Every structure is written in structure tokens, then in C-alpha cells.
Amino acid sequence: MFAAQTGAVMPLASEPHHHLSLHNEYVNVYQVQVGPHDSVLLHRHDFDAISVMLNDSQVTVYTPGKPEAHRKLVAGQIRLQPRGYVHSTTIDGDTTYRNVTVELLLPQEGEHNLCSEVIPDKPLNCPAEEAAKSQTRGAQLQFESDESSANLIRVLPHQNVTIGHPNYPELVLALDADLTIDGERGSPGSSFHSGDFVWLEAGKASELLKNNGDKESHIVVFTFRPR
């Protein structure tokens, strides 16, 4: 039994690899970085949380009362870790494990997958017309509840995308490439790297993300719809 499986179960906020980067009434955003062959210690999720992988990683997940699970996680993978979930994770490969974990502080109801399996072992709810749109508009719907949603958006080489919702607050996370951002959040051309995020209040001036490179980039946009 490896060290990550032993000891008392701690809340997520106390797990030493989870570094709180943003707290407001909607979310806690944690930056997570774990070295090769190190472990995320045994901890409990007190809120539903969305985990977004920033790189590929081979891991072993331990959940009390269940067999160890060996998993290959891939960059851009978005997973729901439900409230009450207890686990530890050991990094088996030789690369650093990086993700951003977004705790959803509002109680979530009606949670379901859209066009990607964010909630494990649950069916997709991806209408054919929505799947077709994702090929043309560069957005793929990932997850939705009555209170929030998460979408994966492609930013094509040398193209721009406008972010910011007129009615709802949003969290925008950069996944896998370097972008620049223009608007209130920084001076023109401010860098927006993998793992960086911005919080946008409802109705604030929109931000413009620019992909100046030769490769496609991706962002995840969380939208919050308080009742």
C-alpha cells in the first residue's frame, strides 16, 4: 500500500498539491502540479468539481473499498469528481502531472454529459445538430447542469475569439497553447498560457483572445447561471 492511501482523509483544500488561485461565490479554482512518482494524498471532495487535464499522464487512482485503477489521462480531458468522492492519485509516469480543478460552490442539479463523457459511465446527450455545429463553429459542449456549463472551444491558427457573456459570469481557462488576450484583464497582447485563467463578470466588456501561432489552440469556458 503506497503512502498516498494511508492516513486520515483530508478535505481537498488541505491537500498540499492543490493551490487555491481563485475563490468567489461560484468557484474555488485550484492549480494542481505533482511530480513524477509523487502522489496526491487521500482527500475528500466536499463540492462537485470539474478537473481539466493540462498534459498527458499515467496514474493509479485509489478509492477506499475499491481496487486500484490504472488510468491514462490525456491533455484536455474534462472529468467530474462528485461531491463526497474520496481518492488518492499516484503519478506513474516520468512527466509532471498538471491540472486545474474547479470546485462548483453552488449546489448542482440536473447534471449531465453533453458531447463528451465528463461524468464517467453516464450517457452522452449530444444531438446530431449540435455535433455538426461543433465541427463548424469550433465549440464542443461538454457538461451542463441547471446552474453551470462547460464548453471546449477551438481557436484556429491566426484567428481570434471573443469571450465574455452579456448575462452570466464566466471562467475561461487556457488549455494547451500560448494565446494573447486584449481587454480589461491586461495590456494589449498580454500572454495567456496553458493553465492561465480569467474570471469575467456578467455584462463586462468582452475580451479578445488571439492565437498568433501556427497550431490550433483550445480553451474551456465555464458559464454560471445562478437561480
Protein backbone atom coordinates (compact mmCIF):
# COMPACT_ATOMS: atom_id res chain seq x y z
CA MET A 1 0.00 0.00 0.00
CA PHE A 2 1.60 3.28 -1.05
CA ALA A 3 1.75 6.33 1.21
CA ALA A 4 -0.99 8.22 -0.60
CA GLN A 5 -3.53 5.62 0.57
CA THR A 6 -2.72 5.87 4.26
CA GLY A 7 -3.63 8.38 6.96
CA ALA A 8 -6.78 10.35 7.63
CA VAL A 9 -8.92 11.63 4.78
CA MET A 10 -8.34 15.37 4.42
CA PRO A 11 -10.56 17.93 2.67
CA LEU A 12 -9.45 18.96 -0.80
CA ALA A 13 -8.48 22.42 0.47
CA SER A 14 -5.86 20.83 2.76
CA GLU A 15 -4.26 18.56 0.14
CA PRO A 16 -0.78 20.08 -0.36
CA HIS A 17 -0.63 19.73 -4.16
CA HIS A 18 -3.83 21.78 -4.63
CA HIS A 19 -3.03 25.50 -4.67
CA LEU A 20 -6.02 27.83 -4.43
CA SER A 21 -5.79 30.50 -7.14
CA LEU A 22 -9.32 31.95 -7.08
CA HIS A 23 -12.23 31.99 -4.66
CA ASN A 24 -15.59 33.67 -5.15
CA GLU A 25 -19.24 32.81 -4.58
CA TYR A 26 -19.27 30.45 -7.58
CA VAL A 27 -15.93 28.61 -7.60
CA ASN A 28 -12.72 27.62 -5.95
CA VAL A 29 -10.04 27.24 -8.64
CA TYR A 30 -7.03 25.09 -7.75
CA GLN A 31 -3.82 24.75 -9.72
CA VAL A 32 -2.50 21.19 -9.30
CA GLN A 33 1.04 20.08 -10.07
CA VAL A 34 2.52 16.76 -8.98
CA GLY A 35 5.99 15.47 -9.85
CA PRO A 36 6.71 12.06 -11.38
CA HIS A 37 6.18 9.17 -8.92
CA ASP A 38 4.77 11.55 -6.31
CA SER A 39 1.20 11.29 -5.03
CA VAL A 40 -1.87 13.39 -4.40
CA LEU A 41 -2.78 12.43 -0.82
CA LEU A 42 -6.04 10.82 0.23
CA HIS A 43 -8.67 13.57 0.22
CA ARG A 44 -12.40 14.25 0.04
CA HIS A 45 -14.38 16.43 -2.36
CA ASP A 46 -16.93 18.47 -0.44
CA PHE A 47 -18.25 20.06 -3.64
CA ASP A 48 -18.77 18.82 -7.18
CA ALA A 49 -15.55 19.61 -9.04
CA ILE A 50 -14.51 19.70 -12.69
CA SER A 51 -10.93 18.58 -13.31
CA VAL A 52 -9.24 19.73 -16.54
CA MET A 53 -6.03 17.96 -17.55
CA LEU A 54 -3.26 20.13 -18.98
CA ASN A 55 -0.99 17.29 -20.13
CA ASP A 56 -0.95 13.53 -20.66
CA SER A 57 -0.31 11.48 -17.54
CA GLN A 58 -0.28 7.83 -16.47
CA VAL A 59 -1.71 7.46 -12.96
CA THR A 60 -3.00 4.99 -10.39
CA VAL A 61 -6.16 6.05 -8.57
CA TYR A 62 -7.06 4.57 -5.19
CA THR A 63 -10.61 4.81 -3.82
CA PRO A 64 -11.24 3.21 -0.41
CA GLY A 65 -13.08 -0.09 -0.75
CA LYS A 66 -12.31 -0.44 -4.47
CA PRO A 67 -9.41 -1.95 -6.47
CA GLU A 68 -6.68 0.36 -7.66
CA ALA A 69 -7.44 1.82 -11.08
CA HIS A 70 -4.66 2.41 -13.61
CA ARG A 71 -5.59 5.23 -15.97
CA LYS A 72 -4.08 7.14 -18.86
CA LEU A 73 -5.26 10.74 -18.69
CA VAL A 74 -4.90 12.94 -21.75
CA ALA A 75 -4.45 16.68 -22.18
CA GLY A 76 -7.78 18.42 -22.47
CA GLN A 77 -9.69 15.67 -20.66
CA ILE A 78 -12.51 17.11 -18.54
CA ARG A 79 -13.87 15.00 -15.67
CA LEU A 80 -16.47 15.49 -12.96
CA GLN A 81 -15.37 14.50 -9.46
CA PRO A 82 -18.64 14.41 -7.49
CA ARG A 83 -19.29 15.73 -4.03
CA GLY A 84 -18.32 13.09 -1.48
CA TYR A 85 -15.71 11.43 -3.71
CA VAL A 86 -12.65 10.21 -1.76
CA HIS A 87 -9.45 9.22 -3.55
CA SER A 88 -5.69 9.50 -3.87
CA THR A 89 -3.66 9.54 -7.09
CA THR A 90 -0.10 8.37 -7.73
CA ILE A 91 1.79 9.59 -10.81
CA ASP A 92 3.26 6.53 -12.52
CA GLY A 93 4.96 8.17 -15.49
CA ASP A 94 8.06 10.32 -15.82
CA THR A 95 6.27 13.60 -16.57
CA THR A 96 4.77 16.11 -14.19
CA TYR A 97 1.01 15.84 -13.69
CA ARG A 98 -0.78 19.16 -14.22
CA ASN A 99 -4.43 20.03 -13.99
CA VAL A 100 -6.81 22.77 -12.95
CA THR A 101 -9.61 21.73 -10.60
CA VAL A 102 -12.71 23.93 -10.47
CA GLU A 103 -14.95 23.40 -7.44
CA LEU A 104 -18.57 24.34 -8.15
CA LEU A 105 -19.71 26.02 -4.96
CA LEU A 106 -23.37 26.36 -5.91
CA PRO A 107 -25.37 23.15 -5.39
CA GLN A 108 -25.65 21.48 -8.79
CA GLU A 109 -28.86 19.88 -10.04
CA GLY A 110 -29.65 18.12 -13.30
CA GLU A 111 -26.01 17.36 -14.11
CA HIS A 112 -25.50 15.53 -17.40
CA ASN A 113 -22.98 14.94 -20.15
CA LEU A 114 -23.37 16.74 -23.44
CA CYS A 115 -20.96 15.84 -26.27
CA SER A 116 -18.20 14.38 -24.08
CA GLU A 117 -18.05 11.94 -21.16
CA VAL A 118 -17.35 14.37 -18.32
CA ILE A 119 -19.43 12.32 -15.87
CA PRO A 120 -17.94 8.80 -16.04
CA ASP A 121 -20.16 5.93 -17.14
CA LYS A 122 -23.09 8.22 -17.96
CA PRO A 123 -24.62 8.55 -21.44
CA LEU A 124 -23.96 11.42 -23.81
CA ASN A 125 -26.67 13.96 -24.59
CA CYS A 126 -25.31 15.31 -27.86
CA PRO A 127 -27.97 15.98 -30.50
CA ALA A 128 -26.81 15.37 -34.06
CA GLU A 129 -27.26 19.02 -34.98
CA GLU A 130 -25.12 20.05 -32.01
CA ALA A 131 -22.37 17.64 -33.03
CA ALA A 132 -22.45 19.09 -36.55
CA LYS A 133 -22.26 22.65 -35.23
CA SER A 134 -19.18 21.79 -33.16
CA GLN A 135 -17.34 20.96 -36.38
CA THR A 136 -18.04 24.35 -37.89
CA ARG A 137 -18.15 26.83 -35.03
CA GLY A 138 -15.24 25.34 -33.07
CA ALA A 139 -17.16 24.79 -29.81
CA GLN A 140 -17.98 21.41 -28.27
CA LEU A 141 -20.47 21.27 -25.42
CA GLN A 142 -19.03 19.17 -22.61
CA PHE A 143 -21.16 19.35 -19.46
CA GLU A 144 -24.29 21.03 -18.20
CA SER A 145 -26.36 21.37 -15.04
CA ASP A 146 -29.19 23.71 -14.10
CA GLU A 147 -26.58 26.10 -12.68
CA SER A 148 -23.49 25.81 -14.90
CA SER A 149 -21.97 24.50 -18.12
CA ALA A 150 -18.53 23.80 -19.59
CA ASN A 151 -17.61 24.13 -23.27
CA LEU A 152 -14.40 23.31 -25.13
CA ILE A 153 -13.60 25.92 -27.77
CA ARG A 154 -11.03 25.71 -30.57
CA VAL A 155 -9.03 28.77 -31.54
CA LEU A 156 -7.64 28.19 -35.01
CA PRO A 157 -4.16 29.38 -36.05
CA HIS A 158 -4.00 33.14 -36.61
CA GLN A 159 -7.66 33.50 -35.57
CA ASN A 160 -9.41 35.39 -32.77
CA VAL A 161 -12.29 34.53 -30.46
CA THR A 162 -14.31 36.88 -28.26
CA ILE A 163 -15.06 35.77 -24.71
CA GLY A 164 -17.42 37.23 -22.14
CA HIS A 165 -21.18 36.68 -21.70
CA PRO A 166 -23.63 39.59 -21.52
CA ASN A 167 -25.81 37.91 -18.87
CA TYR A 168 -23.71 35.40 -16.91
CA PRO A 169 -20.27 35.28 -15.26
CA GLU A 170 -17.68 33.03 -16.88
CA LEU A 171 -14.37 31.37 -16.09
CA VAL A 172 -12.09 30.98 -19.13
CA LEU A 173 -9.17 28.53 -18.94
CA ALA A 174 -6.33 28.15 -21.47
CA LEU A 175 -5.54 24.52 -22.20
CA ASP A 176 -2.64 23.75 -24.45
CA ALA A 177 -1.05 26.67 -26.27
CA ASP A 178 0.04 30.24 -25.78
CA LEU A 179 -2.53 32.89 -26.64
CA THR A 180 -2.66 36.62 -26.15
CA ILE A 181 -5.55 38.48 -24.59
CA ASP A 182 -6.71 42.05 -25.15
CA GLY A 183 -9.18 43.84 -22.92
CA GLU A 184 -9.66 44.88 -19.31
CA ARG A 185 -7.67 41.90 -17.99
CA GLY A 186 -4.34 43.14 -19.26
CA SER A 187 -2.46 45.35 -21.64
CA PRO A 188 -2.82 44.60 -25.36
CA GLY A 189 -1.05 41.37 -26.21
CA SER A 190 -0.83 40.02 -22.63
CA SER A 191 0.21 36.36 -22.64
CA PHE A 192 -2.40 33.69 -21.82
CA HIS A 193 -0.53 30.42 -21.29
CA SER A 194 -1.59 26.84 -20.63
CA GLY A 195 -3.22 26.75 -17.18
CA ASP A 196 -3.90 30.50 -17.07
CA PHE A 197 -7.47 31.59 -16.50
CA VAL A 198 -9.57 34.74 -16.25
CA TRP A 199 -12.81 35.42 -14.38
CA LEU A 200 -15.30 37.56 -16.32
CA GLU A 201 -18.23 39.18 -14.56
CA ALA A 202 -21.57 39.23 -16.36
CA GLY A 203 -22.00 42.15 -18.72
CA LYS A 204 -18.40 43.36 -18.52
CA ALA A 205 -16.54 44.39 -21.64
CA SER A 206 -15.62 41.38 -23.77
CA GLU A 207 -12.07 40.10 -24.03
CA LEU A 208 -10.40 39.15 -27.31
CA LEU A 209 -8.23 36.02 -27.40
CA LYS A 210 -5.75 35.79 -30.26
CA ASN A 211 -3.92 32.71 -31.50
CA ASN A 212 -0.80 34.06 -33.18
CA GLY A 213 0.75 30.63 -33.68
CA ASP A 214 0.63 28.01 -36.41
CA LYS A 215 -1.18 25.38 -34.32
CA GLU A 216 -4.78 25.10 -33.13
CA SER A 217 -5.31 26.09 -29.51
CA HIS A 218 -8.10 25.28 -27.05
CA ILE A 219 -9.85 26.95 -24.14
CA VAL A 220 -12.50 25.75 -21.70
CA VAL A 221 -15.30 28.19 -20.87
CA PHE A 222 -17.36 27.67 -17.72
CA THR A 223 -20.63 29.62 -17.64
CA PHE A 224 -22.58 30.11 -14.41
CA ARG A 225 -26.32 30.69 -14.30
CA PRO A 226 -27.36 31.45 -10.71
CA ARG A 227 -31.00 30.97 -9.93
